[in-house]
Amino acid sequence: QVQLVESGGGLVQAGGSLRLSCAASGSIFSINAMGWYRQAPGKQRELVAAITSGGSTNYADSVKGRFTISRDNAKNTVYLQMNSLKPEDTAVYYCNADLGLSYYSGSYYYTKNKGYWGQGTQVTVSS
């Protein structure tokens, strides 16, 4: 059973920091891009930050300079360090990963990429 498990959300005052973690587990052959999305009440889910398997990163303009995404490939884990938090950062944060999974056809093994989402973790920033 492949799954992404998030942790690290909570309540923090404006200007504070939080660190989110997302660990992938199960029969995973490879992990390609990983990222964090967020969804505030009444709004669409949006990309916050993403990181490729090679370590290249991409950030939403609203979090540049405040958030840092990183990954530990040995632990199949992606992190989101959030500093200088603002009330408008309040949302449910979701981890997303493009995973390479190994399958057996009955005569040979093959891999196939599939996207997974975590269950979400609430981040609330009070003013």
Foldseek 3Di string as FASTA:
>chain_A
DWAKAKDWADEEAAQAKIKMKIFIDDQFPAWFKKFKWWDAPPGDIDTAKMAGPVGDMDGDPVQPPFWDWDDDRVRRMIMIIGGRDDQVVWTWMKMKIWTWHWDDPPPDIDIDTDMHIHPTDTHGYHD
